[in-house]
């Protein structure tokens, strides 16, 4: 509808989540959103393991990341430091301390709210439709700018959302992954 903009930011709560974030960032740009979605859906598999590398490697392989590229990615200390620095910035600059955290028209909204409650946040306390939004900074919204809903700001912006082809790819990958654990 163009009324809100959602910007995803990594906020890994542990080393497993950090590795998963690194894998998503190493995905081809057109598959980034699908990787993030698959990683969230499979979090109960890789997220609870002492070392999630094998599970993440399977997901990466199904998404087109070869073994050598995966190994290079998962061992990329610069990428790891960048993600951790963005998390630190979110903590210090914007007070983010948990997930999910959203910023709606400059207001911090924490937690997985029920849909109706989130819509109320998007529409503002008075129930009127918002006409603009800002990042967590205190600047006033610009009426010509669509609402922005984001987790903590970061230095980089992930690639564009998945296309229909990516969505089809994602469904096939998710079906294959589910088969591993039946």
C-alpha atoms as a PDB file:
ATOM      1  CA  UNK A   1       0.000   0.000   0.000  1.00  0.00           C
ATOM      2  CA  UNK A   2       3.026   2.273   0.308  1.00  0.00           C
ATOM      3  CA  UNK A   3       1.953   3.341   3.796  1.00  0.00           C
ATOM      4  CA  UNK A   4       4.822   1.664   5.650  1.00  0.00           C
ATOM      5  CA  UNK A   5       8.385   0.646   4.962  1.00  0.00           C
ATOM      6  CA  UNK A   6       9.876  -2.318   6.775  1.00  0.00           C
ATOM      7  CA  UNK A   7      13.646  -2.477   7.078  1.00  0.00           C
ATOM      8  CA  UNK A   8      15.132  -5.644   8.513  1.00  0.00           C
ATOM      9  CA  UNK A   9      18.281  -5.351  10.638  1.00  0.00           C
ATOM     10  CA  UNK A  10      20.323  -8.196  12.077  1.00  0.00           C
ATOM     11  CA  UNK A  11      20.390  -8.362  15.870  1.00  0.00           C
ATOM     12  CA  UNK A  12      21.988 -11.714  16.689  1.00  0.00           C
ATOM     13  CA  UNK A  13      21.451 -12.726  20.304  1.00  0.00           C
ATOM     14  CA  UNK A  14      24.108 -15.468  20.271  1.00  0.00           C
ATOM     15  CA  UNK A  15      26.867 -17.012  18.156  1.00  0.00           C
ATOM     16  CA  UNK A  16      24.424 -19.276  16.307  1.00  0.00           C
ATOM     17  CA  UNK A  17      22.331 -16.299  15.233  1.00  0.00           C
ATOM     18  CA  UNK A  18      25.495 -14.440  14.226  1.00  0.00           C
ATOM     19  CA  UNK A  19      26.501 -17.314  11.934  1.00  0.00           C
ATOM     20  CA  UNK A  20      23.006 -17.411  10.440  1.00  0.00           C
ATOM     21  CA  UNK A  21      23.093 -13.663   9.798  1.00  0.00           C
ATOM     22  CA  UNK A  22      26.455 -14.079   8.082  1.00  0.00           C
ATOM     23  CA  UNK A  23      25.069 -16.830   5.834  1.00  0.00           C
ATOM     24  CA  UNK A  24      22.104 -14.650   4.829  1.00  0.00           C
ATOM     25  CA  UNK A  25      24.408 -11.766   3.974  1.00  0.00           C
ATOM     26  CA  UNK A  26      26.526 -14.063   1.793  1.00  0.00           C
ATOM     27  CA  UNK A  27      23.468 -15.162  -0.191  1.00  0.00           C
ATOM     28  CA  UNK A  28      22.962 -13.766  -3.672  1.00  0.00           C
ATOM     29  CA  UNK A  29      21.164 -10.400  -3.304  1.00  0.00           C
ATOM     30  CA  UNK A  30      18.003 -11.652  -4.993  1.00  0.00           C
ATOM     31  CA  UNK A  31      17.786 -14.503  -2.449  1.00  0.00           C
ATOM     32  CA  UNK A  32      18.545 -12.550   0.731  1.00  0.00           C
ATOM     33  CA  UNK A  33      14.928 -12.204   1.880  1.00  0.00           C
ATOM     34  CA  UNK A  34      14.215 -15.868   1.186  1.00  0.00           C
ATOM     35  CA  UNK A  35      17.331 -16.901   3.132  1.00  0.00           C
ATOM     36  CA  UNK A  36      16.241 -14.828   6.124  1.00  0.00           C
ATOM     37  CA  UNK A  37      12.776 -16.375   6.008  1.00  0.00           C
ATOM     38  CA  UNK A  38      14.111 -19.944   5.750  1.00  0.00           C
ATOM     39  CA  UNK A  39      16.566 -19.298   8.576  1.00  0.00           C
ATOM     40  CA  UNK A  40      13.770 -18.038  10.834  1.00  0.00           C
ATOM     41  CA  UNK A  41      11.541 -20.993   9.954  1.00  0.00           C
ATOM     42  CA  UNK A  42      14.370 -23.464  10.626  1.00  0.00           C
ATOM     43  CA  UNK A  43      15.640 -21.716  13.751  1.00  0.00           C
ATOM     44  CA  UNK A  44      14.433 -24.558  15.967  1.00  0.00           C
ATOM     45  CA  UNK A  45      16.878 -26.817  14.095  1.00  0.00           C
ATOM     46  CA  UNK A  46      20.092 -24.768  13.852  1.00  0.00           C
ATOM     47  CA  UNK A  47      19.455 -22.385  16.738  1.00  0.00           C
ATOM     48  CA  UNK A  48      19.577 -24.998  19.493  1.00  0.00           C
ATOM     49  CA  UNK A  49      22.695 -26.813  18.350  1.00  0.00           C
ATOM     50  CA  UNK A  50      26.054 -26.380  20.064  1.00  0.00           C
ATOM     51  CA  UNK A  51      27.532 -25.780  16.591  1.00  0.00           C
ATOM     52  CA  UNK A  52      25.002 -24.905  13.869  1.00  0.00           C
ATOM     53  CA  UNK A  53      27.531 -25.016  11.026  1.00  0.00           C
ATOM     54  CA  UNK A  54      26.365 -28.296   9.429  1.00  0.00           C
ATOM     55  CA  UNK A  55      22.682 -27.316   9.493  1.00  0.00           C
ATOM     56  CA  UNK A  56      23.453 -23.847   8.119  1.00  0.00           C
ATOM     57  CA  UNK A  57      25.669 -25.375   5.442  1.00  0.00           C
ATOM     58  CA  UNK A  58      22.753 -27.548   4.235  1.00  0.00           C
ATOM     59  CA  UNK A  59      20.458 -24.523   4.049  1.00  0.00           C
ATOM     60  CA  UNK A  60      23.145 -22.542   2.229  1.00  0.00           C
ATOM     61  CA  UNK A  61      23.755 -25.362  -0.269  1.00  0.00           C
ATOM     62  CA  UNK A  62      20.067 -25.571  -1.105  1.00  0.00           C
ATOM     63  CA  UNK A  63      20.083 -21.825  -1.651  1.00  0.00           C
ATOM     64  CA  UNK A  64      22.962 -21.944  -4.087  1.00  0.00           C
ATOM     65  CA  UNK A  65      25.921 -21.197  -1.821  1.00  0.00           C
ATOM     66  CA  UNK A  66      28.639 -23.766  -2.492  1.00  0.00           C
ATOM     67  CA  UNK A  67      30.760 -25.376   0.227  1.00  0.00           C
ATOM     68  CA  UNK A  68      33.826 -23.205  -0.432  1.00  0.00           C
ATOM     69  CA  UNK A  69      31.789 -19.989  -0.488  1.00  0.00           C
ATOM     70  CA  UNK A  70      30.001 -21.056   2.705  1.00  0.00           C
ATOM     71  CA  UNK A  71      33.291 -21.764   4.502  1.00  0.00           C
ATOM     72  CA  UNK A  72      34.711 -18.418   3.389  1.00  0.00           C
ATOM     73  CA  UNK A  73      31.534 -16.643   4.502  1.00  0.00           C
ATOM     74  CA  UNK A  74      31.236 -18.275   7.919  1.00  0.00           C
ATOM     75  CA  UNK A  75      34.904 -17.481   8.638  1.00  0.00           C
ATOM     76  CA  UNK A  76      34.768 -13.863   7.408  1.00  0.00           C
ATOM     77  CA  UNK A  77      35.872 -11.925  10.491  1.00  0.00           C
ATOM     78  CA  UNK A  78      35.208  -8.539   8.859  1.00  0.00           C
ATOM     79  CA  UNK A  79      31.589  -9.503   8.204  1.00  0.00           C
ATOM     80  CA  UNK A  80      31.226 -10.828  11.743  1.00  0.00           C
ATOM     81  CA  UNK A  81      32.640  -7.608  13.201  1.00  0.00           C
ATOM     82  CA  UNK A  82      30.331  -5.504  11.000  1.00  0.00           C
ATOM     83  CA  UNK A  83      27.207  -7.333  12.201  1.00  0.00           C
ATOM     84  CA  UNK A  84      28.294  -7.106  15.850  1.00  0.00           C
ATOM     85  CA  UNK A  85      29.109  -3.390  15.435  1.00  0.00           C
ATOM     86  CA  UNK A  86      25.615  -2.777  14.020  1.00  0.00           C
ATOM     87  CA  UNK A  87      24.106  -4.635  16.985  1.00  0.00           C
ATOM     88  CA  UNK A  88      26.193  -2.541  19.398  1.00  0.00           C
ATOM     89  CA  UNK A  89      25.081   0.659  17.663  1.00  0.00           C
ATOM     90  CA  UNK A  90      21.446  -0.405  17.999  1.00  0.00           C
ATOM     91  CA  UNK A  91      21.972  -1.009  21.721  1.00  0.00           C
ATOM     92  CA  UNK A  92      23.832   2.207  22.501  1.00  0.00           C
ATOM     93  CA  UNK A  93      22.211   4.643  20.113  1.00  0.00           C
ATOM     94  CA  UNK A  94      18.616   3.409  20.096  1.00  0.00           C
ATOM     95  CA  UNK A  95      18.190   1.318  23.253  1.00  0.00           C
ATOM     96  CA  UNK A  96      17.490  -1.948  21.451  1.00  0.00           C
ATOM     97  CA  UNK A  97      17.919  -4.852  23.852  1.00  0.00           C
ATOM     98  CA  UNK A  98      15.662  -7.569  22.479  1.00  0.00           C
ATOM     99  CA  UNK A  99      13.942  -8.884  19.386  1.00  0.00           C
ATOM    100  CA  UNK A 100      11.754  -8.047  17.769  1.00  0.00           C
ATOM    101  CA  UNK A 101      12.113  -4.295  18.180  1.00  0.00           C
ATOM    102  CA  UNK A 102      10.454  -1.885  15.777  1.00  0.00           C
ATOM    103  CA  UNK A 103      10.506   1.864  15.407  1.00  0.00           C
ATOM    104  CA  UNK A 104       7.216   3.344  14.277  1.00  0.00           C
ATOM    105  CA  UNK A 105       7.222   7.061  13.653  1.00  0.00           C
ATOM    106  CA  UNK A 106      10.198   7.399  16.003  1.00  0.00           C
ATOM    107  CA  UNK A 107       8.578   5.375  18.816  1.00  0.00           C
ATOM    108  CA  UNK A 108      10.235   2.159  19.997  1.00  0.00           C
ATOM    109  CA  UNK A 109       7.818  -0.796  19.944  1.00  0.00           C
ATOM    110  CA  UNK A 110       9.125  -3.989  21.548  1.00  0.00           C
ATOM    111  CA  UNK A 111       7.807  -7.513  21.231  1.00  0.00           C
ATOM    112  CA  UNK A 112       5.801  -9.667  18.893  1.00  0.00           C
ATOM    113  CA  UNK A 113       2.551  -7.765  19.167  1.00  0.00           C
ATOM    114  CA  UNK A 114      -0.768  -9.217  18.033  1.00  0.00           C
ATOM    115  CA  UNK A 115      -1.676  -7.937  14.572  1.00  0.00           C
ATOM    116  CA  UNK A 116      -4.418  -5.578  15.783  1.00  0.00           C
ATOM    117  CA  UNK A 117      -2.076  -3.998  18.347  1.00  0.00           C
ATOM    118  CA  UNK A 118       0.616  -3.497  15.722  1.00  0.00           C
ATOM    119  CA  UNK A 119      -1.891  -1.839  13.394  1.00  0.00           C
ATOM    120  CA  UNK A 120      -2.787   0.528  16.245  1.00  0.00           C
ATOM    121  CA  UNK A 121       0.899   1.411  16.578  1.00  0.00           C
ATOM    122  CA  UNK A 122       1.112   2.058  12.843  1.00  0.00           C
ATOM    123  CA  UNK A 123      -1.959   4.245  12.984  1.00  0.00           C
ATOM    124  CA  UNK A 124      -0.705   6.184  16.000  1.00  0.00           C
ATOM    125  CA  UNK A 125      -2.113   6.503  19.492  1.00  0.00           C
ATOM    126  CA  UNK A 126      -5.076   8.579  18.330  1.00  0.00           C
ATOM    127  CA  UNK A 127      -6.047   6.067  15.670  1.00  0.00           C
ATOM    128  CA  UNK A 128      -5.435   8.503  12.812  1.00  0.00           C
ATOM    129  CA  UNK A 129      -3.428   7.247   9.852  1.00  0.00           C
ATOM    130  CA  UNK A 130       0.218   8.239  10.011  1.00  0.00           C
ATOM    131  CA  UNK A 131       1.452  10.322   7.119  1.00  0.00           C
ATOM    132  CA  UNK A 132       5.170   9.819   7.588  1.00  0.00           C
ATOM    133  CA  UNK A 133       7.795   8.385   9.859  1.00  0.00           C
ATOM    134  CA  UNK A 134      11.385   8.621  10.787  1.00  0.00           C
ATOM    135  CA  UNK A 135      14.056   6.284  12.020  1.00  0.00           C
ATOM    136  CA  UNK A 136      14.514   6.296  15.791  1.00  0.00           C
ATOM    137  CA  UNK A 137      15.890   9.825  15.575  1.00  0.00           C
ATOM    138  CA  UNK A 138      13.683  12.616  16.888  1.00  0.00           C
ATOM    139  CA  UNK A 139      13.176  14.440  13.593  1.00  0.00           C
ATOM    140  CA  UNK A 140       9.616  15.210  12.585  1.00  0.00           C
ATOM    141  CA  UNK A 141       8.042  13.024   9.898  1.00  0.00           C
ATOM    142  CA  UNK A 142       7.908  14.262   6.341  1.00  0.00           C
ATOM    143  CA  UNK A 143       4.324  13.952   5.010  1.00  0.00           C
ATOM    144  CA  UNK A 144       5.689  13.069   1.560  1.00  0.00           C
ATOM    145  CA  UNK A 145       7.630  10.077   2.925  1.00  0.00           C
ATOM    146  CA  UNK A 146       5.968   6.677   3.482  1.00  0.00           C
ATOM    147  CA  UNK A 147       5.926   5.376   7.053  1.00  0.00           C
ATOM    148  CA  UNK A 148       9.087   3.569   8.002  1.00  0.00           C
ATOM    149  CA  UNK A 149       9.018   0.636  10.358  1.00  0.00           C
ATOM    150  CA  UNK A 150      12.416  -0.770  11.132  1.00  0.00           C
ATOM    151  CA  UNK A 151      14.490  -2.599  13.581  1.00  0.00           C
ATOM    152  CA  UNK A 152      17.554  -0.688  14.675  1.00  0.00           C
ATOM    153  CA  UNK A 153      19.285   1.345  11.981  1.00  0.00           C
ATOM    154  CA  UNK A 154      22.524  -0.026  10.615  1.00  0.00           C
ATOM    155  CA  UNK A 155      25.254   1.016   8.257  1.00  0.00           C
ATOM    156  CA  UNK A 156      24.067  -1.218   5.430  1.00  0.00           C
ATOM    157  CA  UNK A 157      20.710  -1.988   3.901  1.00  0.00           C
ATOM    158  CA  UNK A 158      19.922  -5.550   2.794  1.00  0.00           C
ATOM    159  CA  UNK A 159      19.089  -6.233  -0.851  1.00  0.00           C
ATOM    160  CA  UNK A 160      15.633  -5.714  -2.303  1.00  0.00           C
ATOM    161  CA  UNK A 161      12.754  -8.041  -1.329  1.00  0.00           C
ATOM    162  CA  UNK A 162      12.329 -11.426  -2.934  1.00  0.00           C
ATOM    163  CA  UNK A 163      10.755 -11.702  -6.354  1.00  0.00           C
ATOM    164  CA  UNK A 164       8.141 -14.270  -7.375  1.00  0.00           C
ATOM    165  CA  UNK A 165      10.955 -16.495  -8.665  1.00  0.00           C
ATOM    166  CA  UNK A 166      12.691 -16.276  -5.293  1.00  0.00           C
ATOM    167  CA  UNK A 167       9.457 -17.125  -3.499  1.00  0.00           C
ATOM    168  CA  UNK A 168       9.102 -20.272  -5.646  1.00  0.00           C
ATOM    169  CA  UNK A 169      12.712 -21.159  -4.930  1.00  0.00           C
ATOM    170  CA  UNK A 170      12.126 -20.585  -1.229  1.00  0.00           C
ATOM    171  CA  UNK A 171       9.110 -22.913  -1.130  1.00  0.00           C
ATOM    172  CA  UNK A 172      11.098 -25.702  -2.775  1.00  0.00           C
ATOM    173  CA  UNK A 173      14.015 -25.226  -0.362  1.00  0.00           C
ATOM    174  CA  UNK A 174      11.737 -25.190   2.678  1.00  0.00           C
ATOM    175  CA  UNK A 175      10.019 -28.406   1.552  1.00  0.00           C
ATOM    176  CA  UNK A 176      13.393 -30.105   1.148  1.00  0.00           C
ATOM    177  CA  UNK A 177      14.573 -28.922   4.578  1.00  0.00           C
ATOM    178  CA  UNK A 178      11.375 -30.131   6.230  1.00  0.00           C
ATOM    179  CA  UNK A 179      12.031 -33.550   4.693  1.00  0.00           C
ATOM    180  CA  UNK A 180      15.370 -33.796   6.496  1.00  0.00           C
ATOM    181  CA  UNK A 181      13.709 -33.601   9.882  1.00  0.00           C
ATOM    182  CA  UNK A 182      10.640 -35.796   9.451  1.00  0.00           C
END
